[in-house]
N, C-alpha and C. Protein backbone atom coordinates (compact mmCIF):
# COMPACT_ATOMS: atom_id res chain seq x y z
N UNK A 1 22.88 -2.06 -40.93
CA UNK A 1 21.33 -1.23 -40.23
C UNK A 1 21.06 -2.57 -39.17
N UNK A 2 21.74 -3.70 -38.91
CA UNK A 2 22.18 -4.47 -38.16
C UNK A 2 22.92 -3.23 -36.50
N UNK A 3 23.19 -2.18 -36.52
CA UNK A 3 23.17 -1.56 -35.26
C UNK A 3 22.08 -1.51 -34.65
N UNK A 4 21.20 -0.47 -35.78
CA UNK A 4 19.58 -0.42 -35.70
C UNK A 4 18.95 -1.76 -34.85
N UNK A 5 19.81 -2.86 -35.03
CA UNK A 5 17.93 -3.24 -34.82
C UNK A 5 19.13 -4.03 -32.92
N UNK A 6 20.45 -4.19 -33.57
CA UNK A 6 20.84 -4.03 -31.90
C UNK A 6 20.47 -3.15 -31.30
N UNK A 7 20.18 -2.22 -31.64
CA UNK A 7 19.39 -0.92 -30.11
C UNK A 7 17.97 -1.02 -30.23
N UNK A 8 17.77 -1.82 -30.88
CA UNK A 8 16.23 -2.08 -30.82
C UNK A 8 15.36 -2.76 -29.44
N UNK A 9 17.27 -3.83 -30.09
CA UNK A 9 17.07 -5.27 -28.88
C UNK A 9 17.21 -4.65 -27.68
N UNK A 10 17.89 -3.81 -27.92
CA UNK A 10 18.61 -3.15 -26.55
C UNK A 10 17.60 -2.63 -25.24
N UNK A 11 16.55 -1.49 -26.47
CA UNK A 11 15.61 -0.47 -25.79
C UNK A 11 14.80 -1.29 -25.07
N UNK A 12 14.61 -2.79 -25.64
CA UNK A 12 13.55 -3.40 -25.41
C UNK A 12 13.35 -3.90 -24.25
N UNK A 13 14.65 -4.18 -23.81
CA UNK A 13 15.39 -5.27 -22.93
C UNK A 13 15.36 -3.48 -21.28
N UNK A 14 15.53 -3.11 -22.24
CA UNK A 14 15.35 -1.22 -21.36
C UNK A 14 13.92 -1.45 -21.12
N UNK A 15 13.18 -1.18 -21.87
CA UNK A 15 12.00 -0.73 -21.17
C UNK A 15 11.53 -2.45 -20.44
N UNK A 16 11.64 -3.02 -20.53
CA UNK A 16 11.10 -4.32 -19.91
C UNK A 16 12.17 -4.54 -18.28
N UNK A 17 12.82 -3.78 -17.96
CA UNK A 17 13.74 -3.66 -16.59
C UNK A 17 12.85 -2.18 -15.86
N UNK A 18 12.69 -1.45 -17.02
CA UNK A 18 12.17 -0.17 -16.55
C UNK A 18 11.08 -0.20 -15.69
N UNK A 19 10.26 -1.08 -16.54
CA UNK A 19 8.62 -1.99 -15.78
C UNK A 19 8.53 -2.43 -14.20
N UNK A 20 9.61 -3.39 -14.93
CA UNK A 20 9.81 -4.47 -13.88
C UNK A 20 10.05 -3.41 -12.02
N UNK A 21 11.23 -2.37 -13.08
CA UNK A 21 11.65 -1.74 -11.56
C UNK A 21 10.44 -1.11 -10.70
N UNK A 22 9.66 -0.57 -11.69
CA UNK A 22 8.39 0.72 -11.28
C UNK A 22 7.66 -0.50 -10.74
N UNK A 23 7.38 -1.19 -10.98
CA UNK A 23 6.02 -2.02 -10.52
C UNK A 23 6.92 -2.62 -9.00
N UNK A 24 8.03 -3.06 -9.02
CA UNK A 24 8.75 -2.32 -7.52
C UNK A 24 9.14 -1.40 -6.86
N UNK A 25 8.76 -0.44 -7.25
CA UNK A 25 8.81 0.53 -6.76
C UNK A 25 7.53 1.23 -6.18
N UNK A 26 6.17 0.39 -7.10
CA UNK A 26 5.38 0.07 -6.77
C UNK A 26 4.83 -0.08 -5.04
N UNK A 27 5.78 -1.47 -5.48
CA UNK A 27 5.22 -2.63 -3.62
C UNK A 27 6.04 -2.23 -2.62
N UNK A 28 6.80 -1.64 -2.75
CA UNK A 28 7.09 -0.93 -1.63
C UNK A 28 6.86 0.65 -1.30
N UNK A 29 6.28 1.08 -2.33
CA UNK A 29 5.46 2.30 -1.47
C UNK A 29 3.90 2.20 -0.79
N UNK A 30 3.74 0.48 -1.75
CA UNK A 30 2.23 0.37 -0.68
C UNK A 30 2.22 -0.08 0.57
N UNK A 31 3.39 -1.27 0.77
CA UNK A 31 3.95 -1.16 2.42
C UNK A 31 4.12 -0.61 3.18
N UNK A 32 4.98 0.63 2.13
CA UNK A 32 5.22 2.15 3.22
C UNK A 32 3.71 3.38 3.19
N UNK A 33 2.91 2.76 2.69
CA UNK A 33 1.10 3.38 2.88
C UNK A 33 0.89 2.34 4.23
N UNK A 34 0.36 0.94 4.01
CA UNK A 34 0.29 0.19 4.90
C UNK A 34 0.94 1.00 6.16
N UNK A 35 1.90 0.70 6.80
CA UNK A 35 3.06 1.00 7.59
C UNK A 35 2.19 2.25 7.79
N UNK A 36 2.14 3.48 7.27
CA UNK A 36 1.61 5.07 7.69
C UNK A 36 0.69 4.44 8.61
N UNK A 37 -0.92 3.96 7.95
CA UNK A 37 -2.48 3.54 8.00
C UNK A 37 -1.31 2.99 9.13
N UNK A 38 -1.16 1.89 9.32
CA UNK A 38 -0.79 0.63 10.85
C UNK A 38 -0.34 1.62 12.46
N UNK A 39 0.69 2.95 11.73
CA UNK A 39 1.28 3.81 12.37
C UNK A 39 -0.15 4.38 13.38
N UNK A 40 -1.41 5.23 12.05
CA UNK A 40 -2.06 5.87 12.36
C UNK A 40 -2.85 5.01 13.58
N UNK A 41 -3.42 4.12 12.89
CA UNK A 41 -4.41 3.35 13.56
C UNK A 41 -3.77 2.98 15.55
N UNK A 42 -2.88 2.62 15.45
CA UNK A 42 -2.80 1.96 16.89
C UNK A 42 -2.49 3.89 17.47
N UNK A 43 -1.99 5.10 17.04
CA UNK A 43 -1.30 6.13 17.61
C UNK A 43 -3.47 6.41 18.09
N UNK A 44 -3.98 6.08 17.11
CA UNK A 44 -6.17 6.49 17.97
C UNK A 44 -5.78 5.20 19.44
N UNK A 45 -6.15 4.38 18.42
CA UNK A 45 -6.06 3.31 19.39
C UNK A 45 -5.82 3.89 21.02
N UNK A 46 -4.52 3.66 20.69
CA UNK A 46 -3.69 4.61 22.19
C UNK A 46 -4.42 5.86 22.89
N UNK A 47 -4.57 7.09 21.79
CA UNK A 47 -5.58 7.95 22.17
C UNK A 47 -6.39 7.03 23.12
N UNK A 48 -7.20 6.57 22.07
CA UNK A 48 -8.66 7.20 22.72
C UNK A 48 -8.20 6.12 23.56
N UNK A 49 -7.92 5.32 23.88
CA UNK A 49 -8.31 3.70 24.85
C UNK A 49 -7.45 4.85 26.15
N UNK A 50 -6.56 5.20 25.99
CA UNK A 50 -6.22 6.83 27.11
C UNK A 50 -7.77 7.27 27.34
N UNK A 51 -7.88 8.02 26.44
CA UNK A 51 -9.07 8.61 26.85
C UNK A 51 -10.51 7.66 27.99
N UNK A 52 -10.30 6.64 28.04
CA UNK A 52 -11.70 6.46 28.22
C UNK A 52 -10.70 5.88 29.32
N UNK A 53 -9.47 5.03 29.50
CA UNK A 53 -9.65 4.81 30.87
C UNK A 53 -8.95 5.93 31.41
N UNK A 54 -8.47 7.30 30.89
CA UNK A 54 -7.36 8.45 32.28
C UNK A 54 -8.65 8.95 32.30
N UNK A 55 -9.35 9.66 31.79
CA UNK A 55 -10.31 10.91 32.03
C UNK A 55 -11.74 10.54 32.62
N UNK A 56 -13.04 11.27 33.09
CA UNK A 56 -13.24 11.08 34.20
C UNK A 56 -14.52 11.67 33.00
N UNK A 57 -15.63 10.84 33.38
CA UNK A 57 -17.05 11.32 32.40
C UNK A 57 -17.57 10.66 31.32
N UNK A 58 -18.52 10.95 31.27
CA UNK A 58 -19.04 10.01 30.25
C UNK A 58 -19.05 10.48 28.38
N UNK A 59 -18.74 11.25 28.29
CA UNK A 59 -17.22 12.08 27.32
C UNK A 59 -16.61 11.80 26.78
N UNK A 60 -15.58 11.54 27.87
CA UNK A 60 -14.50 11.72 27.58
C UNK A 60 -15.10 9.74 27.59
N UNK A 61 -15.80 8.48 28.03
CA UNK A 61 -15.26 7.50 27.63
C UNK A 61 -15.73 7.08 26.01
N UNK A 62 -17.11 8.29 26.03
CA UNK A 62 -17.37 7.75 24.90
C UNK A 62 -16.66 8.28 23.61
N UNK A 63 -16.06 9.45 23.69
CA UNK A 63 -15.29 10.21 22.18
C UNK A 63 -14.35 9.06 22.24
N UNK A 64 -13.47 8.15 23.88
CA UNK A 64 -12.37 7.61 23.36
C UNK A 64 -12.84 6.07 22.80
N UNK A 65 -14.59 5.60 22.83
CA UNK A 65 -15.12 4.53 21.94
C UNK A 65 -14.58 4.31 20.48
N UNK A 66 -14.95 6.02 20.48
CA UNK A 66 -15.51 6.63 19.00
C UNK A 66 -13.88 6.48 18.21
N UNK A 67 -13.20 7.36 19.26
CA UNK A 67 -11.98 7.37 18.69
C UNK A 67 -11.54 5.96 18.47
N UNK A 68 -11.49 5.20 18.69
CA UNK A 68 -11.24 2.98 19.21
C UNK A 68 -11.86 3.18 17.92
N UNK A 69 -12.73 2.90 17.55
CA UNK A 69 -13.59 2.35 16.97
C UNK A 69 -13.44 2.90 15.38
N UNK A 70 -12.52 4.56 15.34
CA UNK A 70 -12.75 5.64 13.82
C UNK A 70 -11.43 4.08 13.46
N UNK A 71 -10.11 4.68 14.24
CA UNK A 71 -9.09 4.23 14.15
C UNK A 71 -8.80 2.81 13.27
N UNK A 72 -9.75 1.99 14.52
CA UNK A 72 -9.49 0.10 13.96
C UNK A 72 -10.42 0.39 12.41
N UNK A 73 -10.84 0.85 11.88
CA UNK A 73 -12.12 1.58 10.56
C UNK A 73 -10.84 1.68 9.61
N UNK A 74 -9.70 2.74 9.72
CA UNK A 74 -8.94 3.07 9.15
C UNK A 74 -7.56 2.05 8.80
N UNK A 75 -7.57 1.05 9.93
CA UNK A 75 -6.75 -0.01 9.36
C UNK A 75 -8.29 -0.64 8.56
N UNK A 76 -8.49 -1.00 8.93
CA UNK A 76 -8.93 -2.32 8.07
C UNK A 76 -9.07 -1.36 6.80
N UNK A 77 -8.97 -0.15 6.30
CA UNK A 77 -9.08 0.69 5.19
C UNK A 77 -8.41 0.57 4.69
N UNK A 78 -6.70 0.27 4.95
CA UNK A 78 -5.19 0.26 4.82
C UNK A 78 -5.61 -1.07 4.54
N UNK A 79 -5.94 -2.08 5.25
CA UNK A 79 -5.69 -2.90 4.81
C UNK A 79 -5.80 -3.89 3.70
N UNK A 80 -7.18 -3.73 3.46
CA UNK A 80 -7.94 -3.49 2.62
C UNK A 80 -7.28 -2.82 1.43
N UNK A 81 -7.45 -2.10 1.24
CA UNK A 81 -6.19 -0.97 0.02
C UNK A 81 -5.20 -0.63 -0.58
N UNK A 82 -3.67 -1.68 0.40
CA UNK A 82 -3.08 -2.34 -0.04
C UNK A 82 -2.62 -3.35 -0.88
N UNK A 83 -4.10 -4.89 -0.17
CA UNK A 83 -4.35 -5.95 -0.88
C UNK A 83 -4.92 -5.51 -2.34
N UNK A 84 -5.88 -4.82 -2.20
CA UNK A 84 -6.78 -3.78 -3.50
C UNK A 84 -5.45 -3.70 -4.50
N UNK A 85 -4.04 -3.30 -4.32
CA UNK A 85 -3.14 -2.15 -4.89
C UNK A 85 -2.56 -3.69 -5.52
N UNK A 86 -1.53 -4.68 -3.87
CA UNK A 86 -0.61 -4.84 -4.31
C UNK A 86 -1.71 -6.28 -4.93
N UNK A 87 -2.67 -6.81 -5.77
CA UNK A 87 -3.53 -7.41 -6.43
C UNK A 87 -3.51 -7.07 -7.69
N UNK A 88 -3.31 -5.92 -8.05
CA UNK A 88 -3.71 -4.77 -8.77
C UNK A 88 -2.12 -5.23 -9.97
N UNK A 89 -1.28 -5.20 -9.74
CA UNK A 89 0.16 -5.42 -9.28
C UNK A 89 0.28 -6.74 -9.78
N UNK A 90 0.52 -7.72 -9.16
CA UNK A 90 0.73 -9.19 -8.78
C UNK A 90 -0.32 -9.11 -10.81
N UNK A 91 -1.80 -8.81 -10.83
CA UNK A 91 -2.37 -8.91 -12.25
C UNK A 91 -1.56 -8.70 -13.20
N UNK A 92 -1.06 -7.10 -13.22
CA UNK A 92 -0.14 -6.59 -14.09
C UNK A 92 0.96 -6.90 -14.67
N UNK A 93 1.15 -7.80 -13.95
CA UNK A 93 3.12 -8.32 -13.75
C UNK A 93 2.74 -9.36 -14.40
N UNK A 94 1.99 -10.58 -14.10
CA UNK A 94 1.23 -11.66 -14.79
C UNK A 94 0.77 -11.87 -16.51
N UNK A 95 -0.25 -9.71 -16.37
CA UNK A 95 0.16 -9.70 -18.74
C UNK A 95 0.99 -9.38 -18.86
N UNK A 96 2.06 -9.25 -18.39
CA UNK A 96 3.23 -8.44 -19.04
C UNK A 96 3.99 -9.76 -18.76
N UNK A 97 3.93 -10.54 -18.22
CA UNK A 97 5.17 -11.98 -18.06
C UNK A 97 4.06 -12.32 -19.35
N UNK A 98 3.15 -12.48 -19.45
CA UNK A 98 2.78 -13.88 -20.15
C UNK A 98 2.51 -13.54 -22.13
N UNK A 99 1.87 -11.31 -21.99
CA UNK A 99 2.71 -10.96 -23.72
C UNK A 99 3.99 -11.08 -23.93
N UNK A 100 5.35 -10.83 -23.51
CA UNK A 100 5.65 -10.42 -23.42
C UNK A 100 6.93 -12.59 -23.76
N UNK A 101 6.26 -13.74 -23.42
CA UNK A 101 6.51 -14.66 -23.50
C UNK A 101 6.14 -15.16 -25.23
N UNK A 102 5.24 -14.41 -25.54
CA UNK A 102 4.63 -15.16 -27.16
C UNK A 102 5.24 -14.54 -28.46
């Protein structure tokens, strides 16, 4: 029977470690996704700004302005989404650490 209790204790420790690693992977995935949003938004602003600057005519200007506005909204969406997910991960970590300490 002592082996069973040691095995159960080891499984509990390994489960906690896996949970912590899963949270770290989630944070890293959120950071990568945020960087992808930033990269896409910057490219959109560059394309829209170039259209507004170098192409002639009102359609090119207003099309570029719409592109810049859409890219800015995309950036805001990406930042808000990242903050929401990171807050949820942090709250989950705090809840799990509070439960395991009791």
